[in-house]
Amino acid sequence: MRYITFSILAIILAAPTLLTPSSNAGSGENSVPAIKRETTKLAYAREAYINYYKDSLNLNRSISILENITHNDPSNLQALLLLSRVYLTYGHTEMPNHEEKIGLFKNGIETGKKAVELAPDNPDAHFVYVANMASLGKEKGIVKSFFMIRKIRNQIELILKLNPKHVEGTAMHGVLFYSLPTFLGGDLYISEVYLRRALALDLHLTTIKIYLAKNLTKQEKYDEAKKVLKEIIHEKRPTVYSDWYFNRETAKKMIEKIEKKQRNSTPSYTSVMLGE
């Protein structure tokens, strides 16, 4: 099953307007001021990233551009934020194997940490940092990564302290309570509260709805879960198109599985008559 785990929930990066390749038509690169050239490269990297659903190689293209930018300008916060996010997205695609995923998430952590050091009061910096950290923990086995859990909690709490209405931070809080086993503080009810709170902030982020549906399914609230999944399938205004592109197919498969569970959990007429 493929869906994006907070990789592209939203491009909440204070970025310049995308520039098209024709923006510099008629002028040589050397005549373009350095800042403008970097801004243009960043725009190309962002455009490749948000269109990766069209061509998976767009992720490689985006990383290549962003690594070049951050190498030449280590203090470019926007490039660091986006690069950390692209590593995160790449790690959650079906292409990398286990070791490659770990490497990508470690790169995302390192890049996110640099963003945090540059802008300690920027909630998006803390988000890309902790999202990669949580993904690494999940890949290794969250129980095996017990030492990470407190750090992840602290980072999420800091995000919400910096911005109580941070959509991704709110949603991630819900995902954390969903993902953890009960003995480590997992709680489906609290998870549902945070996921619904995140959706109240942005109703059209379909990845949040995927997690809400998973939560409701685990609670055996099957009809509610199917309702949420059907909303994804019929979404007309997805906040992030790339999320929706994959999530709509995931939603269809999840509905099939839920309906199978419902059929298997419904006693047959013969069973009822026999008191089974």
C-alpha atoms as a PDB file:
ATOM      1  CA  MET A   1       0.000   0.000   0.000  1.00  0.00           C
ATOM      2  CA  ARG A   2       1.440   3.311  -0.999  1.00  0.00           C
ATOM      3  CA  TYR A   3       0.606   6.620   0.558  1.00  0.00           C
ATOM      4  CA  ILE A   4       2.664   9.560   1.602  1.00  0.00           C
ATOM      5  CA  THR A   5       3.532   9.657   5.273  1.00  0.00           C
ATOM      6  CA  PHE A   6       3.695  13.362   5.931  1.00  0.00           C
ATOM      7  CA  SER A   7       6.110  13.788   3.141  1.00  0.00           C
ATOM      8  CA  ILE A   8       4.119  16.260   1.121  1.00  0.00           C
ATOM      9  CA  LEU A   9       1.211  17.034   3.372  1.00  0.00           C
ATOM     10  CA  ALA A  10       1.688  20.641   2.347  1.00  0.00           C
ATOM     11  CA  ILE A  11       4.346  22.939   0.923  1.00  0.00           C
ATOM     12  CA  ILE A  12       4.187  25.232   3.923  1.00  0.00           C
ATOM     13  CA  LEU A  13       7.424  26.920   3.054  1.00  0.00           C
ATOM     14  CA  ALA A  14       7.574  30.685   2.700  1.00  0.00           C
ATOM     15  CA  ALA A  15       8.884  30.417  -0.815  1.00  0.00           C
ATOM     16  CA  PRO A  16       9.129  32.787  -3.758  1.00  0.00           C
ATOM     17  CA  THR A  17       6.630  32.473  -6.584  1.00  0.00           C
ATOM     18  CA  LEU A  18       7.592  29.745  -9.032  1.00  0.00           C
ATOM     19  CA  LEU A  19       9.514  31.021 -12.000  1.00  0.00           C
ATOM     20  CA  THR A  20       9.187  29.414 -15.401  1.00  0.00           C
ATOM     21  CA  PRO A  21      12.169  28.510 -17.591  1.00  0.00           C
ATOM     22  CA  SER A  22      11.254  31.407 -19.866  1.00  0.00           C
ATOM     23  CA  SER A  23      11.895  33.893 -17.056  1.00  0.00           C
ATOM     24  CA  ASN A  24      15.516  34.258 -18.098  1.00  0.00           C
ATOM     25  CA  ALA A  25      14.981  34.047 -21.842  1.00  0.00           C
ATOM     26  CA  GLY A  26      17.292  36.264 -23.802  1.00  0.00           C
ATOM     27  CA  SER A  27      19.886  36.680 -21.055  1.00  0.00           C
ATOM     28  CA  GLY A  28      22.962  34.657 -20.231  1.00  0.00           C
ATOM     29  CA  GLU A  29      23.293  33.110 -16.783  1.00  0.00           C
ATOM     30  CA  ASN A  30      26.277  35.288 -15.939  1.00  0.00           C
ATOM     31  CA  SER A  31      24.151  38.401 -16.405  1.00  0.00           C
ATOM     32  CA  VAL A  32      21.620  37.252 -13.818  1.00  0.00           C
ATOM     33  CA  PRO A  33      22.333  38.325 -10.235  1.00  0.00           C
ATOM     34  CA  ALA A  34      23.450  35.441  -8.003  1.00  0.00           C
ATOM     35  CA  ILE A  35      20.440  35.755  -5.679  1.00  0.00           C
ATOM     36  CA  LYS A  36      18.034  35.586  -8.609  1.00  0.00           C
ATOM     37  CA  ARG A  37      19.835  32.541 -10.041  1.00  0.00           C
ATOM     38  CA  GLU A  38      19.544  30.725  -6.702  1.00  0.00           C
ATOM     39  CA  THR A  39      15.880  31.700  -6.427  1.00  0.00           C
ATOM     40  CA  THR A  40      15.253  30.297  -9.880  1.00  0.00           C
ATOM     41  CA  LYS A  41      17.057  27.046  -9.051  1.00  0.00           C
ATOM     42  CA  LEU A  42      15.007  26.733  -5.877  1.00  0.00           C
ATOM     43  CA  ALA A  43      11.840  27.236  -7.894  1.00  0.00           C
ATOM     44  CA  TYR A  44      12.887  24.512 -10.337  1.00  0.00           C
ATOM     45  CA  ALA A  45      13.636  22.157  -7.450  1.00  0.00           C
ATOM     46  CA  ARG A  46      10.258  22.845  -5.859  1.00  0.00           C
ATOM     47  CA  GLU A  47       8.428  22.394  -9.146  1.00  0.00           C
ATOM     48  CA  ALA A  48      10.158  19.042  -9.759  1.00  0.00           C
ATOM     49  CA  TYR A  49       9.269  17.969  -6.222  1.00  0.00           C
ATOM     50  CA  ILE A  50       5.573  18.761  -6.308  1.00  0.00           C
ATOM     51  CA  ASN A  51       5.300  17.048  -9.693  1.00  0.00           C
ATOM     52  CA  TYR A  52       7.133  13.884  -8.731  1.00  0.00           C
ATOM     53  CA  TYR A  53       3.952  11.853  -9.195  1.00  0.00           C
ATOM     54  CA  LYS A  54       4.403  12.408 -12.942  1.00  0.00           C
ATOM     55  CA  ASP A  55       7.957  11.063 -12.945  1.00  0.00           C
ATOM     56  CA  SER A  56       9.703   9.517  -9.936  1.00  0.00           C
ATOM     57  CA  LEU A  57      13.037  10.802 -11.259  1.00  0.00           C
ATOM     58  CA  ASN A  58      11.821  14.292 -10.377  1.00  0.00           C
ATOM     59  CA  LEU A  59      12.822  13.518  -6.788  1.00  0.00           C
ATOM     60  CA  ASN A  60      16.404  12.884  -7.893  1.00  0.00           C
ATOM     61  CA  ARG A  61      16.370  16.068  -9.953  1.00  0.00           C
ATOM     62  CA  SER A  62      15.085  18.081  -7.011  1.00  0.00           C
ATOM     63  CA  ILE A  63      17.683  16.629  -4.632  1.00  0.00           C
ATOM     64  CA  SER A  64      20.497  17.312  -7.091  1.00  0.00           C
ATOM     65  CA  ILE A  65      19.527  20.976  -7.450  1.00  0.00           C
ATOM     66  CA  LEU A  66      18.991  21.483  -3.725  1.00  0.00           C
ATOM     67  CA  GLU A  67      22.235  19.782  -2.705  1.00  0.00           C
ATOM     68  CA  ASN A  68      24.046  22.102  -5.097  1.00  0.00           C
ATOM     69  CA  ILE A  69      22.322  25.156  -3.617  1.00  0.00           C
ATOM     70  CA  THR A  70      23.024  24.167  -0.003  1.00  0.00           C
ATOM     71  CA  HIS A  71      26.623  23.302  -0.844  1.00  0.00           C
ATOM     72  CA  ASN A  72      27.177  26.794  -2.269  1.00  0.00           C
ATOM     73  CA  ASP A  73      24.997  28.525   0.322  1.00  0.00           C
ATOM     74  CA  PRO A  74      24.791  26.515   3.592  1.00  0.00           C
ATOM     75  CA  SER A  75      22.621  29.230   5.175  1.00  0.00           C
ATOM     76  CA  ASN A  76      19.847  29.015   2.569  1.00  0.00           C
ATOM     77  CA  LEU A  77      16.986  28.106   4.888  1.00  0.00           C
ATOM     78  CA  GLN A  78      14.371  27.562   2.175  1.00  0.00           C
ATOM     79  CA  ALA A  79      16.641  25.142   0.319  1.00  0.00           C
ATOM     80  CA  LEU A  80      17.382  23.235   3.538  1.00  0.00           C
ATOM     81  CA  LEU A  81      13.691  22.977   4.406  1.00  0.00           C
ATOM     82  CA  LEU A  82      12.780  21.707   0.980  1.00  0.00           C
ATOM     83  CA  LEU A  83      15.735  19.320   0.733  1.00  0.00           C
ATOM     84  CA  SER A  84      14.856  17.727   4.075  1.00  0.00           C
ATOM     85  CA  ARG A  85      11.269  17.339   2.881  1.00  0.00           C
ATOM     86  CA  VAL A  86      12.324  15.775  -0.429  1.00  0.00           C
ATOM     87  CA  TYR A  87      14.507  13.231   1.385  1.00  0.00           C
ATOM     88  CA  LEU A  88      11.456  12.413   3.502  1.00  0.00           C
ATOM     89  CA  THR A  89       9.228  11.949   0.470  1.00  0.00           C
ATOM     90  CA  TYR A  90      11.784   9.812  -1.328  1.00  0.00           C
ATOM     91  CA  GLY A  91      12.113   7.585   1.720  1.00  0.00           C
ATOM     92  CA  HIS A  92       8.375   6.923   1.676  1.00  0.00           C
ATOM     93  CA  THR A  93       8.141   5.896  -1.965  1.00  0.00           C
ATOM     94  CA  GLU A  94       8.162   2.264  -3.012  1.00  0.00           C
ATOM     95  CA  MET A  95      11.543   2.513  -4.725  1.00  0.00           C
ATOM     96  CA  PRO A  96      14.168   2.518  -1.941  1.00  0.00           C
ATOM     97  CA  ASN A  97      15.031  -0.680  -0.092  1.00  0.00           C
ATOM     98  CA  HIS A  98      15.360  -0.796   3.697  1.00  0.00           C
ATOM     99  CA  GLU A  99      18.956   0.433   3.814  1.00  0.00           C
ATOM    100  CA  GLU A 100      18.289   3.180   1.264  1.00  0.00           C
ATOM    101  CA  LYS A 101      15.282   4.377   3.262  1.00  0.00           C
ATOM    102  CA  ILE A 102      17.398   4.593   6.399  1.00  0.00           C
ATOM    103  CA  GLY A 103      20.029   6.576   4.484  1.00  0.00           C
ATOM    104  CA  LEU A 104      17.435   8.986   3.094  1.00  0.00           C
ATOM    105  CA  PHE A 105      15.850   9.599   6.495  1.00  0.00           C
ATOM    106  CA  LYS A 106      19.274  10.142   8.060  1.00  0.00           C
ATOM    107  CA  ASN A 107      20.022  12.709   5.344  1.00  0.00           C
ATOM    108  CA  GLY A 108      16.674  14.334   6.090  1.00  0.00           C
ATOM    109  CA  ILE A 109      17.469  14.487   9.799  1.00  0.00           C
ATOM    110  CA  GLU A 110      20.881  16.014   9.190  1.00  0.00           C
ATOM    111  CA  THR A 111      19.454  18.606   6.790  1.00  0.00           C
ATOM    112  CA  GLY A 112      16.520  19.349   9.073  1.00  0.00           C
ATOM    113  CA  LYS A 113      18.875  19.814  12.002  1.00  0.00           C
ATOM    114  CA  LYS A 114      20.808  22.411  10.023  1.00  0.00           C
ATOM    115  CA  ALA A 115      17.527  24.228   9.340  1.00  0.00           C
ATOM    116  CA  VAL A 116      16.659  24.147  13.058  1.00  0.00           C
ATOM    117  CA  GLU A 117      20.068  25.549  13.956  1.00  0.00           C
ATOM    118  CA  LEU A 118      19.566  28.370  11.456  1.00  0.00           C
ATOM    119  CA  ALA A 119      15.989  29.114  12.509  1.00  0.00           C
ATOM    120  CA  PRO A 120      15.212  27.671  15.965  1.00  0.00           C
ATOM    121  CA  ASP A 121      11.849  29.464  16.074  1.00  0.00           C
ATOM    122  CA  ASN A 122      10.685  28.167  12.697  1.00  0.00           C
ATOM    123  CA  PRO A 123       8.072  25.410  13.214  1.00  0.00           C
ATOM    124  CA  ASP A 124       8.552  24.072   9.666  1.00  0.00           C
ATOM    125  CA  ALA A 125      12.242  23.482  10.395  1.00  0.00           C
ATOM    126  CA  HIS A 126      11.332  21.459  13.464  1.00  0.00           C
ATOM    127  CA  PHE A 127       8.712  19.568  11.473  1.00  0.00           C
ATOM    128  CA  VAL A 128      10.986  18.331   8.679  1.00  0.00           C
ATOM    129  CA  TYR A 129      13.560  17.425  11.317  1.00  0.00           C
ATOM    130  CA  VAL A 130      11.185  15.397  13.473  1.00  0.00           C
ATOM    131  CA  ALA A 131       9.255  13.890  10.551  1.00  0.00           C
ATOM    132  CA  ASN A 132      12.465  12.333   9.238  1.00  0.00           C
ATOM    133  CA  MET A 133      13.364  11.243  12.762  1.00  0.00           C
ATOM    134  CA  ALA A 134       9.986   9.560  13.276  1.00  0.00           C
ATOM    135  CA  SER A 135      10.232   7.894   9.871  1.00  0.00           C
ATOM    136  CA  LEU A 136      13.666   6.541  10.731  1.00  0.00           C
ATOM    137  CA  GLY A 137      12.278   5.241  14.014  1.00  0.00           C
ATOM    138  CA  LYS A 138       9.418   3.520  12.216  1.00  0.00           C
ATOM    139  CA  GLU A 139      11.777   1.958   9.671  1.00  0.00           C
ATOM    140  CA  LYS A 140      13.986   0.585  12.440  1.00  0.00           C
ATOM    141  CA  GLY A 141      11.021  -0.420  14.579  1.00  0.00           C
ATOM    142  CA  ILE A 142       9.547   2.189  16.897  1.00  0.00           C
ATOM    143  CA  VAL A 143       9.926  -0.021  19.976  1.00  0.00           C
ATOM    144  CA  LYS A 144      13.614  -0.533  19.143  1.00  0.00           C
ATOM    145  CA  SER A 145      13.872   3.244  18.792  1.00  0.00           C
ATOM    146  CA  PHE A 146      12.531   3.891  22.287  1.00  0.00           C
ATOM    147  CA  PHE A 147      15.173   6.544  22.910  1.00  0.00           C
ATOM    148  CA  MET A 148      13.727   8.546  20.018  1.00  0.00           C
ATOM    149  CA  ILE A 149      10.168   8.692  21.312  1.00  0.00           C
ATOM    150  CA  ARG A 150      10.763  11.352  23.985  1.00  0.00           C
ATOM    151  CA  LYS A 151      12.721  13.442  21.496  1.00  0.00           C
ATOM    152  CA  ILE A 152       9.928  13.121  18.921  1.00  0.00           C
ATOM    153  CA  ARG A 153       7.311  14.122  21.503  1.00  0.00           C
ATOM    154  CA  ASN A 154       9.370  17.132  22.565  1.00  0.00           C
ATOM    155  CA  GLN A 155       9.802  18.282  18.983  1.00  0.00           C
ATOM    156  CA  ILE A 156       6.071  17.994  18.222  1.00  0.00           C
ATOM    157  CA  GLU A 157       5.210  19.884  21.404  1.00  0.00           C
ATOM    158  CA  LEU A 158       7.682  22.596  20.419  1.00  0.00           C
ATOM    159  CA  ILE A 159       6.128  22.890  16.945  1.00  0.00           C
ATOM    160  CA  LEU A 160       2.692  23.408  18.470  1.00  0.00           C
ATOM    161  CA  LYS A 161       4.086  25.871  20.998  1.00  0.00           C
ATOM    162  CA  LEU A 162       5.617  27.906  18.170  1.00  0.00           C
ATOM    163  CA  ASN A 163       2.431  27.619  16.107  1.00  0.00           C
ATOM    164  CA  PRO A 164      -0.637  26.052  17.779  1.00  0.00           C
ATOM    165  CA  LYS A 165      -2.328  25.882  14.366  1.00  0.00           C
ATOM    166  CA  HIS A 166       0.494  24.137  12.547  1.00  0.00           C
ATOM    167  CA  VAL A 167      -1.447  21.623  10.448  1.00  0.00           C
ATOM    168  CA  GLU A 168       1.321  19.076   9.982  1.00  0.00           C
ATOM    169  CA  GLY A 169       2.456  19.293  13.592  1.00  0.00           C
ATOM    170  CA  THR A 170      -1.104  18.764  14.822  1.00  0.00           C
ATOM    171  CA  ALA A 171      -1.608  15.827  12.492  1.00  0.00           C
ATOM    172  CA  MET A 172       1.722  14.304  13.437  1.00  0.00           C
ATOM    173  CA  HIS A 173       0.722  14.442  17.088  1.00  0.00           C
ATOM    174  CA  GLY A 174      -2.291  12.332  16.141  1.00  0.00           C
ATOM    175  CA  VAL A 175      -0.175   9.928  14.111  1.00  0.00           C
ATOM    176  CA  LEU A 176       2.209   9.473  17.042  1.00  0.00           C
ATOM    177  CA  PHE A 177      -0.619   8.446  19.380  1.00  0.00           C
ATOM    178  CA  TYR A 178      -1.877   6.085  16.650  1.00  0.00           C
ATOM    179  CA  SER A 179       1.514   4.517  15.922  1.00  0.00           C
ATOM    180  CA  LEU A 180       2.711   3.860  19.471  1.00  0.00           C
ATOM    181  CA  PRO A 181       1.646   0.713  21.323  1.00  0.00           C
ATOM    182  CA  THR A 182      -0.480   1.317  24.401  1.00  0.00           C
ATOM    183  CA  PHE A 183       2.376   0.589  26.818  1.00  0.00           C
ATOM    184  CA  LEU A 184       4.365   3.417  25.235  1.00  0.00           C
ATOM    185  CA  GLY A 185       1.498   5.902  25.412  1.00  0.00           C
ATOM    186  CA  GLY A 186      -0.458   5.063  22.277  1.00  0.00           C
ATOM    187  CA  ASP A 187      -4.107   6.078  22.446  1.00  0.00           C
ATOM    188  CA  LEU A 188      -6.554   5.818  19.542  1.00  0.00           C
ATOM    189  CA  TYR A 189      -9.010   8.272  21.067  1.00  0.00           C
ATOM    190  CA  ILE A 190      -6.403  11.006  21.570  1.00  0.00           C
ATOM    191  CA  SER A 191      -5.067  10.243  18.100  1.00  0.00           C
ATOM    192  CA  GLU A 192      -8.518  10.742  16.590  1.00  0.00           C
ATOM    193  CA  VAL A 193      -8.931  14.058  18.416  1.00  0.00           C
ATOM    194  CA  TYR A 194      -5.679  15.455  17.000  1.00  0.00           C
ATOM    195  CA  LEU A 195      -6.315  14.148  13.496  1.00  0.00           C
ATOM    196  CA  ARG A 196      -9.769  15.742  13.431  1.00  0.00           C
ATOM    197  CA  ARG A 197      -8.283  18.949  14.818  1.00  0.00           C
ATOM    198  CA  ALA A 198      -5.762  18.969  11.959  1.00  0.00           C
ATOM    199  CA  LEU A 199      -8.537  18.429   9.422  1.00  0.00           C
ATOM    200  CA  ALA A 200     -10.445  21.345  10.925  1.00  0.00           C
ATOM    201  CA  LEU A 201      -7.403  23.446   9.990  1.00  0.00           C
ATOM    202  CA  ASP A 202      -7.322  22.071   6.432  1.00  0.00           C
ATOM    203  CA  LEU A 203     -10.111  19.769   5.316  1.00  0.00           C
ATOM    204  CA  HIS A 204      -8.469  18.986   1.964  1.00  0.00           C
ATOM    205  CA  LEU A 205      -5.233  17.355   3.152  1.00  0.00           C
ATOM    206  CA  THR A 206      -5.971  13.794   2.130  1.00  0.00           C
ATOM    207  CA  THR A 207      -3.065  12.124   3.940  1.00  0.00           C
ATOM    208  CA  ILE A 208      -4.593  13.167   7.250  1.00  0.00           C
ATOM    209  CA  LYS A 209      -7.819  11.494   6.156  1.00  0.00           C
ATOM    210  CA  ILE A 210      -5.917   8.299   5.357  1.00  0.00           C
ATOM    211  CA  TYR A 211      -4.630   8.213   8.937  1.00  0.00           C
ATOM    212  CA  LEU A 212      -8.033   9.100  10.362  1.00  0.00           C
ATOM    213  CA  ALA A 213      -9.580   6.244   8.387  1.00  0.00           C
ATOM    214  CA  LYS A 214      -6.878   3.861   9.642  1.00  0.00           C
ATOM    215  CA  ASN A 215      -7.584   5.022  13.183  1.00  0.00           C
ATOM    216  CA  LEU A 216     -11.348   4.544  12.805  1.00  0.00           C
ATOM    217  CA  THR A 217     -10.835   1.116  11.257  1.00  0.00           C
ATOM    218  CA  LYS A 218      -8.695   0.076  14.203  1.00  0.00           C
ATOM    219  CA  GLN A 219     -11.513   1.226  16.482  1.00  0.00           C
ATOM    220  CA  GLU A 220     -13.890  -0.876  14.335  1.00  0.00           C
ATOM    221  CA  LYS A 221     -15.818   2.238  13.328  1.00  0.00           C
ATOM    222  CA  TYR A 222     -16.019   0.845   9.822  1.00  0.00           C
ATOM    223  CA  ASP A 223     -18.807   2.980   8.387  1.00  0.00           C
ATOM    224  CA  GLU A 224     -17.163   6.190   9.614  1.00  0.00           C
ATOM    225  CA  ALA A 225     -13.852   5.061   8.129  1.00  0.00           C
ATOM    226  CA  LYS A 226     -15.447   4.347   4.743  1.00  0.00           C
ATOM    227  CA  LYS A 227     -17.115   7.757   4.759  1.00  0.00           C
ATOM    228  CA  VAL A 228     -13.739   9.447   5.251  1.00  0.00           C
ATOM    229  CA  LEU A 229     -12.157   7.333   2.506  1.00  0.00           C
ATOM    230  CA  LYS A 230     -14.940   8.155   0.060  1.00  0.00           C
ATOM    231  CA  GLU A 231     -14.298  11.839   0.741  1.00  0.00           C
ATOM    232  CA  ILE A 232     -10.728  11.275  -0.449  1.00  0.00           C
ATOM    233  CA  ILE A 233     -11.851   9.538  -3.638  1.00  0.00           C
ATOM    234  CA  HIS A 234     -14.295  12.321  -4.487  1.00  0.00           C
ATOM    235  CA  GLU A 235     -12.050  15.195  -3.375  1.00  0.00           C
ATOM    236  CA  LYS A 236     -12.301  18.094  -5.827  1.00  0.00           C
ATOM    237  CA  ARG A 237      -9.858  20.552  -4.258  1.00  0.00           C
ATOM    238  CA  PRO A 238      -6.916  18.654  -2.740  1.00  0.00           C
ATOM    239  CA  THR A 239      -4.461  20.918  -0.964  1.00  0.00           C
ATOM    240  CA  VAL A 240      -1.597  18.843  -2.319  1.00  0.00           C
ATOM    241  CA  TYR A 241      -2.419  17.163  -5.598  1.00  0.00           C
ATOM    242  CA  SER A 242       0.474  14.700  -5.391  1.00  0.00           C
ATOM    243  CA  ASP A 243      -0.848  13.360  -2.080  1.00  0.00           C
ATOM    244  CA  TRP A 244      -4.317  12.915  -3.491  1.00  0.00           C
ATOM    245  CA  TYR A 245      -3.025  11.284  -6.689  1.00  0.00           C
ATOM    246  CA  PHE A 246      -1.767   8.316  -4.668  1.00  0.00           C
ATOM    247  CA  ASN A 247      -4.154   8.493  -1.721  1.00  0.00           C
ATOM    248  CA  ARG A 248      -7.292   8.043  -3.810  1.00  0.00           C
ATOM    249  CA  GLU A 249      -6.042   4.602  -4.907  1.00  0.00           C
ATOM    250  CA  THR A 250      -5.058   3.767  -1.339  1.00  0.00           C
ATOM    251  CA  ALA A 251      -8.549   4.802  -0.214  1.00  0.00           C
ATOM    252  CA  LYS A 252     -10.184   2.414  -2.702  1.00  0.00           C
ATOM    253  CA  LYS A 253      -8.050  -0.492  -1.471  1.00  0.00           C
ATOM    254  CA  MET A 254      -8.771   0.382   2.158  1.00  0.00           C
ATOM    255  CA  ILE A 255     -12.523   0.391   1.498  1.00  0.00           C
ATOM    256  CA  GLU A 256     -12.254  -3.074  -0.058  1.00  0.00           C
ATOM    257  CA  LYS A 257     -10.421  -4.382   3.010  1.00  0.00           C
ATOM    258  CA  ILE A 258     -12.916  -2.789   5.398  1.00  0.00           C
ATOM    259  CA  GLU A 259     -15.865  -4.287   3.534  1.00  0.00           C
ATOM    260  CA  LYS A 260     -14.177  -7.677   3.636  1.00  0.00           C
ATOM    261  CA  LYS A 261     -13.773  -7.316   7.400  1.00  0.00           C
ATOM    262  CA  GLN A 262     -17.416  -6.341   7.723  1.00  0.00           C
ATOM    263  CA  ARG A 263     -18.518  -9.374   5.727  1.00  0.00           C
ATOM    264  CA  ASN A 264     -16.358 -11.695   7.796  1.00  0.00           C
ATOM    265  CA  SER A 265     -17.536 -10.194  11.087  1.00  0.00           C
ATOM    266  CA  THR A 266     -21.264 -10.401  10.186  1.00  0.00           C
ATOM    267  CA  PRO A 267     -22.770 -13.655  11.496  1.00  0.00           C
ATOM    268  CA  SER A 268     -24.495 -15.738   8.849  1.00  0.00           C
ATOM    269  CA  TYR A 269     -28.230 -16.514   9.096  1.00  0.00           C
ATOM    270  CA  THR A 270     -27.417 -20.168   9.863  1.00  0.00           C
ATOM    271  CA  SER A 271     -25.018 -19.189  12.653  1.00  0.00           C
ATOM    272  CA  VAL A 272     -27.628 -16.945  14.254  1.00  0.00           C
ATOM    273  CA  MET A 273     -30.261 -19.713  14.087  1.00  0.00           C
ATOM    274  CA  LEU A 274     -27.863 -22.198  15.675  1.00  0.00           C
ATOM    275  CA  GLY A 275     -26.874 -19.700  18.337  1.00  0.00           C
ATOM    276  CA  GLU A 276     -23.237 -19.715  17.277  1.00  0.00           C
END
